[in-house]
C-alpha atoms as a PDB file:
ATOM      1  CA  UNK A   1      62.549 -80.473 -39.707  1.00  0.00           C
ATOM      2  CA  UNK A   2      61.476 -82.241 -36.479  1.00  0.00           C
ATOM      3  CA  UNK A   3      62.442 -85.798 -35.588  1.00  0.00           C
ATOM      4  CA  UNK A   4      59.556 -87.238 -33.603  1.00  0.00           C
ATOM      5  CA  UNK A   5      60.501 -89.024 -30.391  1.00  0.00           C
ATOM      6  CA  UNK A   6      56.984 -89.652 -29.093  1.00  0.00           C
ATOM      7  CA  UNK A   7      53.555 -88.076 -28.838  1.00  0.00           C
ATOM      8  CA  UNK A   8      53.065 -86.643 -25.347  1.00  0.00           C
ATOM      9  CA  UNK A   9      49.364 -85.846 -25.618  1.00  0.00           C
ATOM     10  CA  UNK A  10      46.512 -85.350 -28.054  1.00  0.00           C
ATOM     11  CA  UNK A  11      43.475 -83.280 -27.080  1.00  0.00           C
ATOM     12  CA  UNK A  12      41.129 -82.730 -29.963  1.00  0.00           C
ATOM     13  CA  UNK A  13      43.206 -81.389 -32.835  1.00  0.00           C
ATOM     14  CA  UNK A  14      46.041 -80.206 -30.579  1.00  0.00           C
ATOM     15  CA  UNK A  15      48.957 -82.611 -30.456  1.00  0.00           C
ATOM     16  CA  UNK A  16      52.005 -82.193 -28.226  1.00  0.00           C
ATOM     17  CA  UNK A  17      55.152 -84.062 -29.236  1.00  0.00           C
ATOM     18  CA  UNK A  18      58.606 -84.632 -27.854  1.00  0.00           C
ATOM     19  CA  UNK A  19      60.964 -84.172 -30.780  1.00  0.00           C
ATOM     20  CA  UNK A  20      64.545 -83.466 -31.749  1.00  0.00           C
ATOM     21  CA  UNK A  21      65.256 -80.127 -33.406  1.00  0.00           C
ATOM     22  CA  UNK A  22      68.646 -78.613 -34.135  1.00  0.00           C
ATOM     23  CA  UNK A  23      70.355 -81.251 -32.014  1.00  0.00           C
ATOM     24  CA  UNK A  24      68.244 -80.794 -28.899  1.00  0.00           C
ATOM     25  CA  UNK A  25      65.067 -82.175 -27.396  1.00  0.00           C
ATOM     26  CA  UNK A  26      62.091 -79.832 -27.669  1.00  0.00           C
ATOM     27  CA  UNK A  27      58.346 -79.960 -27.139  1.00  0.00           C
ATOM     28  CA  UNK A  28      56.330 -79.221 -30.272  1.00  0.00           C
ATOM     29  CA  UNK A  29      52.704 -78.144 -30.080  1.00  0.00           C
ATOM     30  CA  UNK A  30      50.840 -78.342 -33.362  1.00  0.00           C
ATOM     31  CA  UNK A  31      47.489 -79.123 -34.934  1.00  0.00           C
ATOM     32  CA  UNK A  32      46.813 -82.565 -36.387  1.00  0.00           C
ATOM     33  CA  UNK A  33      44.013 -81.216 -38.600  1.00  0.00           C
ATOM     34  CA  UNK A  34      42.483 -77.945 -39.705  1.00  0.00           C
ATOM     35  CA  UNK A  35      40.285 -75.734 -37.574  1.00  0.00           C
ATOM     36  CA  UNK A  36      40.146 -71.974 -38.008  1.00  0.00           C
ATOM     37  CA  UNK A  37      39.461 -71.399 -34.315  1.00  0.00           C
ATOM     38  CA  UNK A  38      42.166 -73.835 -33.159  1.00  0.00           C
ATOM     39  CA  UNK A  39      44.625 -72.139 -35.513  1.00  0.00           C
ATOM     40  CA  UNK A  40      43.768 -68.721 -34.059  1.00  0.00           C
ATOM     41  CA  UNK A  41      44.167 -70.061 -30.532  1.00  0.00           C
ATOM     42  CA  UNK A  42      47.604 -71.503 -31.293  1.00  0.00           C
ATOM     43  CA  UNK A  43      48.666 -68.202 -32.873  1.00  0.00           C
ATOM     44  CA  UNK A  44      47.331 -66.346 -29.831  1.00  0.00           C
ATOM     45  CA  UNK A  45      49.253 -68.636 -27.500  1.00  0.00           C
ATOM     46  CA  UNK A  46      52.452 -67.805 -29.365  1.00  0.00           C
ATOM     47  CA  UNK A  47      51.726 -64.064 -29.138  1.00  0.00           C
ATOM     48  CA  UNK A  48      51.149 -64.391 -25.393  1.00  0.00           C
ATOM     49  CA  UNK A  49      54.205 -66.484 -24.527  1.00  0.00           C
ATOM     50  CA  UNK A  50      56.529 -64.276 -26.580  1.00  0.00           C
ATOM     51  CA  UNK A  51      55.799 -61.501 -24.063  1.00  0.00           C
ATOM     52  CA  UNK A  52      57.114 -63.601 -21.178  1.00  0.00           C
ATOM     53  CA  UNK A  53      60.731 -64.074 -20.166  1.00  0.00           C
ATOM     54  CA  UNK A  54      61.072 -65.587 -16.703  1.00  0.00           C
ATOM     55  CA  UNK A  55      62.957 -68.473 -15.143  1.00  0.00           C
ATOM     56  CA  UNK A  56      59.691 -70.008 -13.909  1.00  0.00           C
ATOM     57  CA  UNK A  57      57.933 -69.944 -17.299  1.00  0.00           C
ATOM     58  CA  UNK A  58      58.709 -72.562 -19.965  1.00  0.00           C
ATOM     59  CA  UNK A  59      60.150 -70.523 -22.872  1.00  0.00           C
ATOM     60  CA  UNK A  60      58.920 -70.548 -26.454  1.00  0.00           C
ATOM     61  CA  UNK A  61      61.922 -71.101 -28.715  1.00  0.00           C
ATOM     62  CA  UNK A  62      60.341 -70.638 -32.136  1.00  0.00           C
ATOM     63  CA  UNK A  63      57.227 -70.876 -34.257  1.00  0.00           C
ATOM     64  CA  UNK A  64      57.686 -72.885 -37.452  1.00  0.00           C
ATOM     65  CA  UNK A  65      54.935 -73.414 -40.019  1.00  0.00           C
ATOM     66  CA  UNK A  66      52.238 -73.005 -37.388  1.00  0.00           C
ATOM     67  CA  UNK A  67      53.942 -75.238 -34.815  1.00  0.00           C
ATOM     68  CA  UNK A  68      55.042 -73.877 -31.435  1.00  0.00           C
ATOM     69  CA  UNK A  69      58.475 -75.057 -30.322  1.00  0.00           C
ATOM     70  CA  UNK A  70      58.992 -75.011 -26.564  1.00  0.00           C
ATOM     71  CA  UNK A  71      62.040 -75.819 -24.460  1.00  0.00           C
ATOM     72  CA  UNK A  72      61.985 -79.374 -23.135  1.00  0.00           C
ATOM     73  CA  UNK A  73      61.901 -79.536 -19.342  1.00  0.00           C
ATOM     74  CA  UNK A  74      63.066 -82.951 -18.091  1.00  0.00           C
ATOM     75  CA  UNK A  75      61.322 -84.147 -14.956  1.00  0.00           C
ATOM     76  CA  UNK A  76      57.663 -84.606 -14.059  1.00  0.00           C
ATOM     77  CA  UNK A  77      54.624 -82.401 -13.831  1.00  0.00           C
ATOM     78  CA  UNK A  78      53.018 -81.733 -10.476  1.00  0.00           C
ATOM     79  CA  UNK A  79      50.047 -83.998 -11.245  1.00  0.00           C
ATOM     80  CA  UNK A  80      52.464 -86.896 -11.693  1.00  0.00           C
ATOM     81  CA  UNK A  81      54.286 -85.963  -8.500  1.00  0.00           C
ATOM     82  CA  UNK A  82      50.974 -85.989  -6.600  1.00  0.00           C
ATOM     83  CA  UNK A  83      49.940 -89.405  -7.923  1.00  0.00           C
ATOM     84  CA  UNK A  84      51.523 -91.030  -4.867  1.00  0.00           C
ATOM     85  CA  UNK A  85      49.968 -88.592  -2.400  1.00  0.00           C
ATOM     86  CA  UNK A  86      50.632 -85.132  -0.939  1.00  0.00           C
ATOM     87  CA  UNK A  87      54.002 -83.439  -0.983  1.00  0.00           C
ATOM     88  CA  UNK A  88      55.977 -82.563   2.141  1.00  0.00           C
ATOM     89  CA  UNK A  89      54.899 -79.095   3.256  1.00  0.00           C
ATOM     90  CA  UNK A  90      58.251 -77.441   2.511  1.00  0.00           C
ATOM     91  CA  UNK A  91      58.294 -78.940  -0.990  1.00  0.00           C
ATOM     92  CA  UNK A  92      54.711 -77.880  -1.707  1.00  0.00           C
ATOM     93  CA  UNK A  93      55.499 -74.322  -0.648  1.00  0.00           C
ATOM     94  CA  UNK A  94      58.608 -74.182  -2.840  1.00  0.00           C
ATOM     95  CA  UNK A  95      56.571 -75.222  -5.880  1.00  0.00           C
ATOM     96  CA  UNK A  96      53.852 -72.672  -5.144  1.00  0.00           C
ATOM     97  CA  UNK A  97      56.341 -69.857  -4.605  1.00  0.00           C
ATOM     98  CA  UNK A  98      57.791 -70.531  -8.055  1.00  0.00           C
ATOM     99  CA  UNK A  99      54.315 -70.563  -9.613  1.00  0.00           C
ATOM    100  CA  UNK A 100      53.483 -67.258  -7.941  1.00  0.00           C
ATOM    101  CA  UNK A 101      56.686 -65.699  -9.279  1.00  0.00           C
ATOM    102  CA  UNK A 102      55.747 -66.859 -12.769  1.00  0.00           C
ATOM    103  CA  UNK A 103      52.253 -65.403 -12.401  1.00  0.00           C
ATOM    104  CA  UNK A 104      53.533 -62.129 -11.009  1.00  0.00           C
ATOM    105  CA  UNK A 105      55.613 -61.750 -14.188  1.00  0.00           C
ATOM    106  CA  UNK A 106      52.708 -62.754 -16.422  1.00  0.00           C
ATOM    107  CA  UNK A 107      50.239 -60.404 -14.724  1.00  0.00           C
ATOM    108  CA  UNK A 108      52.655 -57.478 -14.947  1.00  0.00           C
ATOM    109  CA  UNK A 109      52.716 -58.158 -18.697  1.00  0.00           C
ATOM    110  CA  UNK A 110      48.925 -58.186 -18.938  1.00  0.00           C
ATOM    111  CA  UNK A 111      48.606 -61.979 -19.216  1.00  0.00           C
ATOM    112  CA  UNK A 112      46.176 -64.095 -17.166  1.00  0.00           C
ATOM    113  CA  UNK A 113      46.957 -67.818 -17.358  1.00  0.00           C
ATOM    114  CA  UNK A 114      43.362 -69.045 -16.762  1.00  0.00           C
ATOM    115  CA  UNK A 115      44.349 -72.703 -16.283  1.00  0.00           C
ATOM    116  CA  UNK A 116      46.630 -73.007 -13.261  1.00  0.00           C
ATOM    117  CA  UNK A 117      46.569 -76.698 -12.292  1.00  0.00           C
ATOM    118  CA  UNK A 118      49.059 -79.437 -11.352  1.00  0.00           C
ATOM    119  CA  UNK A 119      49.541 -80.806 -14.872  1.00  0.00           C
ATOM    120  CA  UNK A 120      50.569 -77.325 -16.053  1.00  0.00           C
ATOM    121  CA  UNK A 121      53.385 -77.071 -13.520  1.00  0.00           C
ATOM    122  CA  UNK A 122      56.626 -78.804 -14.479  1.00  0.00           C
ATOM    123  CA  UNK A 123      59.147 -79.773 -11.815  1.00  0.00           C
ATOM    124  CA  UNK A 124      62.806 -79.819 -12.726  1.00  0.00           C
ATOM    125  CA  UNK A 125      64.986 -80.499  -9.718  1.00  0.00           C
ATOM    126  CA  UNK A 126      64.322 -77.738  -7.200  1.00  0.00           C
ATOM    127  CA  UNK A 127      62.586 -75.446  -9.696  1.00  0.00           C
ATOM    128  CA  UNK A 128      58.968 -75.364 -10.834  1.00  0.00           C
ATOM    129  CA  UNK A 129      57.951 -73.874 -14.182  1.00  0.00           C
ATOM    130  CA  UNK A 130      54.521 -72.804 -15.388  1.00  0.00           C
ATOM    131  CA  UNK A 131      53.527 -74.002 -18.842  1.00  0.00           C
ATOM    132  CA  UNK A 132      50.582 -74.241 -21.266  1.00  0.00           C
ATOM    133  CA  UNK A 133      49.249 -70.749 -21.913  1.00  0.00           C
ATOM    134  CA  UNK A 134      46.774 -72.180 -24.407  1.00  0.00           C
ATOM    135  CA  UNK A 135      43.786 -70.789 -22.465  1.00  0.00           C
ATOM    136  CA  UNK A 136      45.541 -67.572 -21.429  1.00  0.00           C
ATOM    137  CA  UNK A 137      43.923 -64.153 -21.679  1.00  0.00           C
ATOM    138  CA  UNK A 138      46.037 -61.259 -22.926  1.00  0.00           C
ATOM    139  CA  UNK A 139      44.345 -58.082 -21.743  1.00  0.00           C
ATOM    140  CA  UNK A 140      46.074 -56.073 -24.477  1.00  0.00           C
ATOM    141  CA  UNK A 141      44.601 -58.146 -27.308  1.00  0.00           C
ATOM    142  CA  UNK A 142      41.071 -58.360 -28.661  1.00  0.00           C
ATOM    143  CA  UNK A 143      39.196 -61.475 -27.582  1.00  0.00           C
ATOM    144  CA  UNK A 144      38.927 -64.164 -30.223  1.00  0.00           C
ATOM    145  CA  UNK A 145      35.767 -66.069 -31.094  1.00  0.00           C
ATOM    146  CA  UNK A 146      34.879 -68.539 -28.359  1.00  0.00           C
ATOM    147  CA  UNK A 147      36.773 -66.723 -25.601  1.00  0.00           C
ATOM    148  CA  UNK A 148      33.678 -66.701 -23.411  1.00  0.00           C
ATOM    149  CA  UNK A 149      33.193 -70.471 -23.509  1.00  0.00           C
ATOM    150  CA  UNK A 150      34.072 -72.496 -20.439  1.00  0.00           C
ATOM    151  CA  UNK A 151      37.854 -72.887 -20.500  1.00  0.00           C
ATOM    152  CA  UNK A 152      39.786 -74.417 -17.652  1.00  0.00           C
ATOM    153  CA  UNK A 153      39.560 -77.281 -15.161  1.00  0.00           C
ATOM    154  CA  UNK A 154      36.697 -77.086 -12.617  1.00  0.00           C
ATOM    155  CA  UNK A 155      38.601 -78.188  -9.487  1.00  0.00           C
ATOM    156  CA  UNK A 156      41.114 -75.349  -9.993  1.00  0.00           C
ATOM    157  CA  UNK A 157      38.745 -72.829 -11.585  1.00  0.00           C
ATOM    158  CA  UNK A 158      37.622 -69.682  -9.776  1.00  0.00           C
ATOM    159  CA  UNK A 159      33.844 -69.223  -9.553  1.00  0.00           C
ATOM    160  CA  UNK A 160      33.860 -66.082 -11.702  1.00  0.00           C
ATOM    161  CA  UNK A 161      35.811 -67.917 -14.393  1.00  0.00           C
ATOM    162  CA  UNK A 162      33.221 -70.700 -14.292  1.00  0.00           C
ATOM    163  CA  UNK A 163      30.639 -68.010 -15.068  1.00  0.00           C
ATOM    164  CA  UNK A 164      32.604 -66.764 -18.083  1.00  0.00           C
ATOM    165  CA  UNK A 165      34.652 -63.885 -16.596  1.00  0.00           C
ATOM    166  CA  UNK A 166      38.260 -64.195 -17.782  1.00  0.00           C
ATOM    167  CA  UNK A 167      39.606 -60.695 -17.183  1.00  0.00           C
ATOM    168  CA  UNK A 168      40.499 -60.835 -13.463  1.00  0.00           C
ATOM    169  CA  UNK A 169      44.063 -61.842 -12.578  1.00  0.00           C
ATOM    170  CA  UNK A 170      42.852 -62.924  -9.135  1.00  0.00           C
ATOM    171  CA  UNK A 171      41.294 -65.967 -10.830  1.00  0.00           C
ATOM    172  CA  UNK A 172      44.852 -67.266 -11.209  1.00  0.00           C
ATOM    173  CA  UNK A 173      45.460 -66.766  -7.476  1.00  0.00           C
ATOM    174  CA  UNK A 174      42.414 -68.916  -6.758  1.00  0.00           C
ATOM    175  CA  UNK A 175      44.033 -71.542  -9.009  1.00  0.00           C
ATOM    176  CA  UNK A 176      47.251 -71.317  -6.983  1.00  0.00           C
ATOM    177  CA  UNK A 177      45.258 -71.798  -3.783  1.00  0.00           C
ATOM    178  CA  UNK A 178      43.573 -74.862  -5.266  1.00  0.00           C
ATOM    179  CA  UNK A 179      46.924 -76.200  -6.411  1.00  0.00           C
ATOM    180  CA  UNK A 180      48.445 -75.676  -2.949  1.00  0.00           C
ATOM    181  CA  UNK A 181      45.475 -77.374  -1.272  1.00  0.00           C
ATOM    182  CA  UNK A 182      45.918 -80.396  -3.552  1.00  0.00           C
ATOM    183  CA  UNK A 183      49.667 -80.509  -2.908  1.00  0.00           C
ATOM    184  CA  UNK A 184      49.121 -80.463   0.872  1.00  0.00           C
ATOM    185  CA  UNK A 185      46.187 -82.888   1.093  1.00  0.00           C
ATOM    186  CA  UNK A 186      46.590 -85.131  -1.943  1.00  0.00           C
ATOM    187  CA  UNK A 187      43.091 -84.269  -3.160  1.00  0.00           C
ATOM    188  CA  UNK A 188      41.733 -81.589  -5.483  1.00  0.00           C
ATOM    189  CA  UNK A 189      39.476 -79.003  -3.785  1.00  0.00           C
ATOM    190  CA  UNK A 190      35.820 -80.030  -3.393  1.00  0.00           C
ATOM    191  CA  UNK A 191      36.372 -83.309  -5.240  1.00  0.00           C
ATOM    192  CA  UNK A 192      33.263 -84.573  -7.005  1.00  0.00           C
ATOM    193  CA  UNK A 193      31.201 -81.767  -5.436  1.00  0.00           C
ATOM    194  CA  UNK A 194      33.099 -78.967  -7.177  1.00  0.00           C
ATOM    195  CA  UNK A 195      30.308 -78.077  -9.615  1.00  0.00           C
ATOM    196  CA  UNK A 196      27.915 -77.573  -6.696  1.00  0.00           C
ATOM    197  CA  UNK A 197      30.406 -75.155  -5.139  1.00  0.00           C
ATOM    198  CA  UNK A 198      31.012 -73.310  -8.403  1.00  0.00           C
ATOM    199  CA  UNK A 199      27.298 -72.825  -8.956  1.00  0.00           C
ATOM    200  CA  UNK A 200      26.925 -71.170  -5.535  1.00  0.00           C
ATOM    201  CA  UNK A 201      26.266 -73.905  -2.970  1.00  0.00           C
ATOM    202  CA  UNK A 202      28.144 -72.742   0.137  1.00  0.00           C
ATOM    203  CA  UNK A 203      27.181 -75.894   2.018  1.00  0.00           C
ATOM    204  CA  UNK A 204      30.060 -77.582   0.175  1.00  0.00           C
ATOM    205  CA  UNK A 205      33.135 -77.214   2.372  1.00  0.00           C
ATOM    206  CA  UNK A 206      36.772 -78.223   2.148  1.00  0.00           C
ATOM    207  CA  UNK A 207      38.231 -81.045   4.196  1.00  0.00           C
ATOM    208  CA  UNK A 208      40.715 -79.709   6.788  1.00  0.00           C
ATOM    209  CA  UNK A 209      44.423 -79.530   6.122  1.00  0.00           C
ATOM    210  CA  UNK A 210      46.759 -82.063   7.737  1.00  0.00           C
ATOM    211  CA  UNK A 211      48.079 -80.972  11.127  1.00  0.00           C
ATOM    212  CA  UNK A 212      51.534 -80.089   9.833  1.00  0.00           C
ATOM    213  CA  UNK A 213      49.993 -77.634   7.352  1.00  0.00           C
ATOM    214  CA  UNK A 214      47.225 -76.227   9.562  1.00  0.00           C
ATOM    215  CA  UNK A 215      49.027 -72.884   9.853  1.00  0.00           C
ATOM    216  CA  UNK A 216      48.288 -72.325   6.151  1.00  0.00           C
ATOM    217  CA  UNK A 217      44.514 -72.502   6.610  1.00  0.00           C
ATOM    218  CA  UNK A 218      44.001 -68.698   6.835  1.00  0.00           C
ATOM    219  CA  UNK A 219      46.084 -68.138   3.693  1.00  0.00           C
ATOM    220  CA  UNK A 220      44.187 -70.801   1.775  1.00  0.00           C
ATOM    221  CA  UNK A 221      40.849 -69.473   2.976  1.00  0.00           C
ATOM    222  CA  UNK A 222      41.742 -66.102   1.492  1.00  0.00           C
ATOM    223  CA  UNK A 223      43.153 -67.507  -1.755  1.00  0.00           C
ATOM    224  CA  UNK A 224      40.068 -69.689  -2.271  1.00  0.00           C
ATOM    225  CA  UNK A 225      37.505 -67.027  -1.400  1.00  0.00           C
ATOM    226  CA  UNK A 226      34.458 -67.121  -3.647  1.00  0.00           C
ATOM    227  CA  UNK A 227      34.563 -63.331  -4.219  1.00  0.00           C
ATOM    228  CA  UNK A 228      37.712 -62.037  -5.988  1.00  0.00           C
ATOM    229  CA  UNK A 229      37.778 -58.960  -3.751  1.00  0.00           C
ATOM    230  CA  UNK A 230      38.435 -61.130  -0.702  1.00  0.00           C
ATOM    231  CA  UNK A 231      41.491 -62.765  -2.273  1.00  0.00           C
ATOM    232  CA  UNK A 232      45.023 -61.424  -2.393  1.00  0.00           C
ATOM    233  CA  UNK A 233      45.243 -58.331  -4.570  1.00  0.00           C
ATOM    234  CA  UNK A 234      48.123 -59.681  -6.633  1.00  0.00           C
ATOM    235  CA  UNK A 235      50.609 -62.544  -6.831  1.00  0.00           C
ATOM    236  CA  UNK A 236      53.329 -60.657  -4.969  1.00  0.00           C
ATOM    237  CA  UNK A 237      50.989 -60.121  -1.994  1.00  0.00           C
ATOM    238  CA  UNK A 238      50.185 -63.828  -1.839  1.00  0.00           C
ATOM    239  CA  UNK A 239      53.871 -64.665  -2.125  1.00  0.00           C
ATOM    240  CA  UNK A 240      54.687 -62.298   0.745  1.00  0.00           C
ATOM    241  CA  UNK A 241      51.947 -63.868   2.893  1.00  0.00           C
ATOM    242  CA  UNK A 242      53.247 -67.334   2.111  1.00  0.00           C
ATOM    243  CA  UNK A 243      56.789 -66.424   3.053  1.00  0.00           C
ATOM    244  CA  UNK A 244      55.589 -64.762   6.279  1.00  0.00           C
ATOM    245  CA  UNK A 245      53.653 -67.805   7.478  1.00  0.00           C
ATOM    246  CA  UNK A 246      55.600 -69.653  10.187  1.00  0.00           C
ATOM    247  CA  UNK A 247      55.370 -73.314   9.231  1.00  0.00           C
ATOM    248  CA  UNK A 248      54.544 -75.491  12.212  1.00  0.00           C
ATOM    249  CA  UNK A 249      53.080 -72.568  14.172  1.00  0.00           C
END
């Protein structure tokens, strides 16, 4: 059915493979062993991604015998692109605009991604695509067992998500702010001190942006606000603010 090209990753029982299927390269996400909870999570991921149809979201092509078959996106992920340091400001903003468009679509469909981070953003030419909805929250579906456990990546995780709240779409906007900060500075927000920040220590502060990106400081301050009510109300509002910021001002 699938002709394995190589294993891309293995995290616990979840294996992601590059494979050939029906004459094309695809990415297959499947379990390498049995776990009732992992099986439910993979089924939930399929239910979530089927609701989404957007040029900045990696599409699900099929589900076959419990495996999820995604379109293959040639290129690199943002984490790989940042391995050599920060992106040029214009490039960083283009990536973030695409991510915000993907999230606007997801949020309008009742889906919160819950794990916005560089490795979940794929870059293909001039376009960025959001992927991996494995931790996503679908507000229209009943929570599955384990949904309140800590899911996500601390340096890109909103404080309320760290405390187990996964029902606020503004958590994703915090993740976008963290992603943008990393793209502009070359470092993840708060570095090794992130857990102190997430647990409420406001003495932990961010290093300043480089001079060429200093005009984005007010936008990032709002996106990375500890309280969700101080952030942008929705992805479209953050996108509008980003597009209205005069770079170099």
